[in-house]
């Protein structure tokens, strides 16, 4: 497994009443999941929303140009964070297995013109 050690600090946006311990826990779990990224993390943001029905954690990541978004909803912020982390790790492992989605490009053929000797 490739481990990317140079991570950027995620931007954290908080909505509603989120205790500092829950925010620290969410950032810690988010950064731990990003260690499974198959390439450099160019941008990372985390939204903690306690104002929504149920607690919600959204993660947005740009991994070498590929955008990844996951979310977790739970009865507590910790539960929502754990769901988000598991989904992010799964998505990052899938991205590692299939770096290019879609059909393979057709093979390139090179044609040379042959001059006939007359």
N, C-alpha and C. Protein backbone atom coordinates (compact mmCIF):
# COMPACT_ATOMS: atom_id res chain seq x y z
N UNK A 1 0.84 -1.17 0.00
CA UNK A 1 0.00 0.00 0.00
C UNK A 1 0.89 1.24 0.00
N UNK A 2 0.54 2.18 -0.82
CA UNK A 2 1.24 3.45 -0.88
C UNK A 2 0.67 4.37 0.18
N UNK A 3 1.53 5.04 0.91
CA UNK A 3 1.06 5.97 1.93
C UNK A 3 1.56 7.35 1.58
N UNK A 4 0.65 8.29 1.50
CA UNK A 4 0.98 9.67 1.19
C UNK A 4 1.13 10.39 2.53
N UNK A 5 2.33 10.84 2.86
CA UNK A 5 2.57 11.46 4.16
C UNK A 5 2.43 12.97 4.14
N UNK A 6 2.49 13.59 2.99
CA UNK A 6 2.37 15.03 2.94
C UNK A 6 0.91 15.40 2.68
N UNK A 7 0.20 15.70 3.76
CA UNK A 7 -1.20 16.06 3.65
C UNK A 7 -1.36 17.54 3.96
N UNK A 8 -2.34 18.14 3.33
CA UNK A 8 -2.65 19.51 3.66
C UNK A 8 -3.63 19.52 4.82
N UNK A 9 -3.68 20.62 5.54
CA UNK A 9 -4.64 20.74 6.63
C UNK A 9 -6.03 20.96 6.05
N UNK A 10 -7.00 20.19 6.50
CA UNK A 10 -8.35 20.36 5.94
C UNK A 10 -9.01 21.64 6.44
N UNK A 11 -9.82 22.23 5.60
CA UNK A 11 -10.66 23.35 6.02
C UNK A 11 -11.85 22.74 6.75
N UNK A 12 -12.19 23.30 7.91
CA UNK A 12 -13.29 22.77 8.70
C UNK A 12 -14.36 23.85 8.84
N UNK A 13 -15.58 23.49 8.46
CA UNK A 13 -16.73 24.40 8.57
C UNK A 13 -17.71 23.78 9.56
N UNK A 14 -18.13 24.56 10.54
CA UNK A 14 -19.01 24.06 11.59
C UNK A 14 -20.33 24.81 11.53
N UNK A 15 -21.43 24.06 11.56
CA UNK A 15 -22.77 24.62 11.57
C UNK A 15 -23.50 24.08 12.80
N UNK A 16 -24.07 24.95 13.58
CA UNK A 16 -24.78 24.52 14.78
C UNK A 16 -23.84 24.38 15.96
N UNK A 17 -24.31 23.71 16.99
CA UNK A 17 -23.56 23.55 18.25
C UNK A 17 -22.74 22.26 18.20
N UNK A 18 -21.48 22.39 17.85
CA UNK A 18 -20.56 21.26 17.81
C UNK A 18 -19.49 21.50 18.87
N UNK A 19 -19.35 20.57 19.80
CA UNK A 19 -18.35 20.74 20.86
C UNK A 19 -16.96 20.58 20.26
N UNK A 20 -15.96 21.26 20.81
CA UNK A 20 -14.60 21.19 20.25
C UNK A 20 -14.04 19.77 20.20
N UNK A 21 -14.38 18.93 21.17
CA UNK A 21 -13.87 17.55 21.17
C UNK A 21 -14.40 16.78 19.96
N UNK A 22 -15.66 17.02 19.59
CA UNK A 22 -16.24 16.34 18.42
C UNK A 22 -15.57 16.82 17.14
N UNK A 23 -15.26 18.11 17.07
CA UNK A 23 -14.57 18.65 15.89
C UNK A 23 -13.17 18.06 15.78
N UNK A 24 -12.45 17.98 16.89
CA UNK A 24 -11.09 17.39 16.88
C UNK A 24 -11.14 15.93 16.47
N UNK A 25 -12.12 15.19 16.98
CA UNK A 25 -12.29 13.77 16.64
C UNK A 25 -12.54 13.63 15.14
N UNK A 26 -13.41 14.48 14.58
CA UNK A 26 -13.73 14.41 13.16
C UNK A 26 -12.51 14.70 12.30
N UNK A 27 -11.74 15.72 12.66
CA UNK A 27 -10.53 16.05 11.89
C UNK A 27 -9.53 14.91 11.97
N UNK A 28 -9.36 14.33 13.16
CA UNK A 28 -8.42 13.22 13.34
C UNK A 28 -8.80 12.03 12.46
N UNK A 29 -10.07 11.67 12.45
CA UNK A 29 -10.54 10.54 11.63
C UNK A 29 -10.46 10.85 10.14
N UNK A 30 -10.74 12.09 9.77
CA UNK A 30 -10.66 12.52 8.38
C UNK A 30 -9.23 12.41 7.86
N UNK A 31 -8.29 12.93 8.63
CA UNK A 31 -6.88 12.89 8.23
C UNK A 31 -6.39 11.44 8.18
N UNK A 32 -6.83 10.61 9.13
CA UNK A 32 -6.43 9.20 9.11
C UNK A 32 -6.92 8.51 7.84
N UNK A 33 -8.12 8.83 7.40
CA UNK A 33 -8.65 8.23 6.16
C UNK A 33 -7.87 8.72 4.95
N UNK A 34 -7.42 9.97 4.98
CA UNK A 34 -6.69 10.52 3.83
C UNK A 34 -5.33 9.86 3.63
N UNK A 35 -4.83 9.17 4.62
CA UNK A 35 -3.57 8.44 4.45
C UNK A 35 -3.72 7.29 3.46
N UNK A 36 -4.96 6.94 3.11
CA UNK A 36 -5.21 5.88 2.14
C UNK A 36 -5.38 6.43 0.73
N UNK A 37 -5.15 7.72 0.55
CA UNK A 37 -5.32 8.34 -0.76
C UNK A 37 -4.28 7.79 -1.75
N UNK A 38 -4.71 7.49 -2.98
CA UNK A 38 -3.78 6.95 -3.96
C UNK A 38 -2.92 7.99 -4.65
N UNK A 39 -3.03 9.24 -4.27
CA UNK A 39 -2.25 10.31 -4.88
C UNK A 39 -2.21 11.50 -3.96
N UNK A 40 -1.62 12.59 -4.41
CA UNK A 40 -1.52 13.77 -3.55
C UNK A 40 -2.89 14.41 -3.31
N UNK A 41 -3.12 14.81 -2.08
CA UNK A 41 -4.36 15.49 -1.70
C UNK A 41 -4.16 16.97 -1.96
N UNK A 42 -4.89 17.50 -2.93
CA UNK A 42 -4.74 18.90 -3.32
C UNK A 42 -5.64 19.81 -2.51
N UNK A 43 -6.80 19.31 -2.09
CA UNK A 43 -7.74 20.10 -1.31
C UNK A 43 -8.55 19.16 -0.44
N UNK A 44 -8.83 19.59 0.78
CA UNK A 44 -9.65 18.78 1.68
C UNK A 44 -10.48 19.70 2.56
N UNK A 45 -11.78 19.42 2.63
CA UNK A 45 -12.64 20.20 3.51
C UNK A 45 -13.61 19.28 4.22
N UNK A 46 -13.99 19.70 5.42
CA UNK A 46 -14.85 18.91 6.28
C UNK A 46 -15.94 19.82 6.80
N UNK A 47 -17.20 19.40 6.66
CA UNK A 47 -18.34 20.16 7.16
C UNK A 47 -18.99 19.37 8.28
N UNK A 48 -19.09 19.99 9.44
CA UNK A 48 -19.76 19.38 10.59
C UNK A 48 -21.06 20.14 10.80
N UNK A 49 -22.18 19.44 10.72
CA UNK A 49 -23.48 20.10 10.80
C UNK A 49 -24.33 19.47 11.90
N UNK A 50 -24.44 20.17 13.02
CA UNK A 50 -25.29 19.72 14.12
C UNK A 50 -26.67 20.34 14.03
N UNK A 51 -26.86 21.28 13.10
CA UNK A 51 -28.15 21.95 12.95
C UNK A 51 -29.11 21.13 12.08
N UNK A 52 -28.61 20.19 11.32
CA UNK A 52 -29.45 19.35 10.46
C UNK A 52 -30.18 18.31 11.32
N UNK A 53 -31.25 17.71 10.80
CA UNK A 53 -31.88 16.60 11.53
C UNK A 53 -30.88 15.46 11.64
N UNK A 54 -30.48 15.11 12.83
CA UNK A 54 -29.39 14.17 13.02
C UNK A 54 -28.08 14.90 12.78
N UNK A 55 -27.01 14.41 13.29
CA UNK A 55 -25.72 15.05 13.06
C UNK A 55 -25.17 14.56 11.73
N UNK A 56 -24.54 15.47 10.99
CA UNK A 56 -24.05 15.16 9.64
C UNK A 56 -22.62 15.64 9.48
N UNK A 57 -21.79 14.80 8.85
CA UNK A 57 -20.41 15.14 8.54
C UNK A 57 -20.21 14.91 7.05
N UNK A 58 -19.78 15.96 6.33
CA UNK A 58 -19.49 15.89 4.90
C UNK A 58 -17.99 16.07 4.68
N UNK A 59 -17.42 15.26 3.81
CA UNK A 59 -16.01 15.38 3.46
C UNK A 59 -15.89 15.59 1.96
N UNK A 60 -15.12 16.59 1.56
CA UNK A 60 -14.83 16.88 0.16
C UNK A 60 -13.32 16.84 -0.02
N UNK A 61 -12.85 16.05 -0.99
CA UNK A 61 -11.42 15.87 -1.19
C UNK A 61 -11.11 15.93 -2.68
N UNK A 62 -10.01 16.57 -3.03
CA UNK A 62 -9.49 16.58 -4.40
C UNK A 62 -8.18 15.80 -4.37
N UNK A 63 -8.20 14.63 -4.99
CA UNK A 63 -7.01 13.77 -5.00
C UNK A 63 -6.46 13.76 -6.40
N UNK A 64 -5.41 14.53 -6.59
CA UNK A 64 -4.73 14.62 -7.87
C UNK A 64 -5.71 14.89 -9.01
N UNK A 65 -6.69 15.75 -8.76
CA UNK A 65 -7.65 16.13 -9.78
C UNK A 65 -8.96 15.36 -9.75
N UNK A 66 -9.04 14.29 -8.97
CA UNK A 66 -10.28 13.51 -8.85
C UNK A 66 -11.03 13.96 -7.61
N UNK A 67 -12.25 14.43 -7.81
CA UNK A 67 -13.07 14.89 -6.68
C UNK A 67 -13.78 13.73 -6.01
N UNK A 68 -13.75 13.73 -4.68
CA UNK A 68 -14.42 12.70 -3.89
C UNK A 68 -15.26 13.40 -2.84
N UNK A 69 -16.52 12.99 -2.72
CA UNK A 69 -17.41 13.53 -1.70
C UNK A 69 -18.12 12.38 -1.01
N UNK A 70 -18.07 12.38 0.32
CA UNK A 70 -18.81 11.40 1.11
C UNK A 70 -19.45 12.13 2.29
N UNK A 71 -20.45 11.50 2.88
CA UNK A 71 -21.07 12.06 4.07
C UNK A 71 -21.47 10.94 5.01
N UNK A 72 -21.66 11.31 6.25
CA UNK A 72 -22.15 10.37 7.25
C UNK A 72 -23.19 11.06 8.11
N UNK A 73 -24.24 10.34 8.45
CA UNK A 73 -25.30 10.86 9.30
C UNK A 73 -25.45 9.90 10.47
N UNK A 74 -25.57 10.46 11.67
CA UNK A 74 -25.73 9.63 12.85
C UNK A 74 -26.48 10.35 13.95
N UNK A 75 -26.76 9.62 15.02
CA UNK A 75 -27.47 10.23 16.14
C UNK A 75 -26.54 11.11 16.97
N UNK A 76 -25.23 10.90 16.85
CA UNK A 76 -24.23 11.75 17.48
C UNK A 76 -23.21 12.17 16.45
N UNK A 77 -22.44 13.20 16.75
CA UNK A 77 -21.41 13.66 15.82
C UNK A 77 -20.33 12.58 15.66
N UNK A 78 -20.03 11.85 16.73
CA UNK A 78 -19.03 10.79 16.66
C UNK A 78 -19.50 9.67 15.74
N UNK A 79 -20.77 9.30 15.84
CA UNK A 79 -21.30 8.25 14.97
C UNK A 79 -21.28 8.69 13.50
N UNK A 80 -21.67 9.93 13.25
CA UNK A 80 -21.64 10.46 11.88
C UNK A 80 -20.21 10.50 11.34
N UNK A 81 -19.25 10.85 12.20
CA UNK A 81 -17.84 10.88 11.80
C UNK A 81 -17.35 9.49 11.44
N UNK A 82 -17.72 8.50 12.23
CA UNK A 82 -17.28 7.13 11.95
C UNK A 82 -17.85 6.62 10.62
N UNK A 83 -19.11 6.96 10.34
CA UNK A 83 -19.72 6.57 9.06
C UNK A 83 -18.99 7.26 7.91
N UNK A 84 -18.72 8.55 8.06
CA UNK A 84 -18.00 9.30 7.01
C UNK A 84 -16.62 8.69 6.77
N UNK A 85 -15.89 8.38 7.85
CA UNK A 85 -14.55 7.83 7.69
C UNK A 85 -14.58 6.49 6.94
N UNK A 86 -15.51 5.63 7.28
CA UNK A 86 -15.59 4.33 6.62
C UNK A 86 -15.92 4.49 5.13
N UNK A 87 -16.85 5.38 4.82
CA UNK A 87 -17.21 5.62 3.42
C UNK A 87 -16.05 6.23 2.64
N UNK A 88 -15.31 7.15 3.27
CA UNK A 88 -14.18 7.77 2.59
C UNK A 88 -13.08 6.75 2.33
N UNK A 89 -12.79 5.92 3.30
CA UNK A 89 -11.76 4.89 3.10
C UNK A 89 -12.15 3.93 1.99
N UNK A 90 -13.43 3.56 1.96
CA UNK A 90 -13.91 2.66 0.90
C UNK A 90 -13.76 3.32 -0.47
N UNK A 91 -14.15 4.58 -0.57
CA UNK A 91 -14.06 5.30 -1.84
C UNK A 91 -12.62 5.45 -2.28
N UNK A 92 -11.71 5.73 -1.34
CA UNK A 92 -10.29 5.89 -1.69
C UNK A 92 -9.68 4.57 -2.14
N UNK A 93 -10.08 3.47 -1.51
CA UNK A 93 -9.58 2.16 -1.95
C UNK A 93 -10.11 1.83 -3.35
N UNK A 94 -11.36 2.19 -3.63
CA UNK A 94 -11.92 1.97 -4.96
C UNK A 94 -11.18 2.80 -6.00
N UNK A 95 -10.86 4.04 -5.65
CA UNK A 95 -10.11 4.91 -6.55
C UNK A 95 -8.71 4.35 -6.82
N UNK A 96 -8.12 3.72 -5.81
CA UNK A 96 -6.81 3.09 -5.99
C UNK A 96 -6.89 1.90 -6.94
N UNK A 97 -7.96 1.12 -6.82
CA UNK A 97 -8.11 -0.07 -7.69
C UNK A 97 -8.45 0.30 -9.11
N UNK A 98 -9.25 1.37 -9.29
CA UNK A 98 -9.67 1.78 -10.63
C UNK A 98 -9.37 3.25 -10.84
N UNK A 99 -8.11 3.58 -11.10
CA UNK A 99 -7.75 5.00 -11.21
C UNK A 99 -8.43 5.70 -12.39
N UNK A 100 -8.71 4.97 -13.42
CA UNK A 100 -9.37 5.58 -14.59
C UNK A 100 -10.70 4.87 -14.80
N UNK A 101 -11.78 5.58 -14.55
CA UNK A 101 -13.10 5.01 -14.76
C UNK A 101 -13.45 5.11 -16.24
N UNK A 102 -14.26 4.22 -16.71
CA UNK A 102 -14.70 4.27 -18.09
C UNK A 102 -13.93 3.30 -18.95
N UNK A 103 -14.29 3.24 -20.23
CA UNK A 103 -13.64 2.29 -21.14
C UNK A 103 -12.20 2.70 -21.44
N UNK A 104 -11.42 1.71 -21.77
CA UNK A 104 -10.02 1.97 -22.12
C UNK A 104 -9.95 2.68 -23.47
N UNK A 105 -8.94 3.50 -23.61
CA UNK A 105 -8.74 4.21 -24.87
C UNK A 105 -8.32 3.22 -25.96
N UNK A 106 -8.75 3.45 -27.20
CA UNK A 106 -8.36 2.53 -28.27
C UNK A 106 -6.85 2.63 -28.52
N UNK A 107 -6.25 1.53 -28.98
CA UNK A 107 -4.81 1.57 -29.25
C UNK A 107 -4.47 2.53 -30.38
N UNK A 108 -3.33 3.13 -30.29
CA UNK A 108 -2.88 4.08 -31.30
C UNK A 108 -2.13 3.31 -32.39
N UNK A 109 -2.51 3.55 -33.63
CA UNK A 109 -1.81 2.90 -34.73
C UNK A 109 -1.07 3.97 -35.54
N UNK A 110 0.10 3.63 -35.95
CA UNK A 110 0.92 4.55 -36.74
C UNK A 110 0.99 4.01 -38.16
N UNK A 111 0.61 4.84 -39.10
CA UNK A 111 0.65 4.45 -40.51
C UNK A 111 1.75 5.22 -41.20
N UNK A 112 2.51 4.55 -42.00
CA UNK A 112 3.56 5.20 -42.79
C UNK A 112 3.23 5.03 -44.25
N UNK A 113 3.43 6.09 -44.97
CA UNK A 113 3.23 6.01 -46.41
C UNK A 113 4.48 5.39 -47.04
N UNK A 114 4.25 4.41 -47.87
CA UNK A 114 5.36 3.73 -48.53
C UNK A 114 5.38 4.17 -49.99
N UNK A 115 6.50 4.71 -50.41
CA UNK A 115 6.64 5.15 -51.81
C UNK A 115 7.01 3.92 -52.66
N UNK A 116 6.33 3.78 -53.75
CA UNK A 116 6.64 2.65 -54.63
C UNK A 116 7.77 3.05 -55.60
N UNK A 117 8.64 2.10 -55.82
CA UNK A 117 9.76 2.34 -56.75
C UNK A 117 9.27 2.03 -58.17
N UNK A 118 9.45 2.96 -59.04
CA UNK A 118 8.91 2.82 -60.38
C UNK A 118 9.87 2.59 -61.41
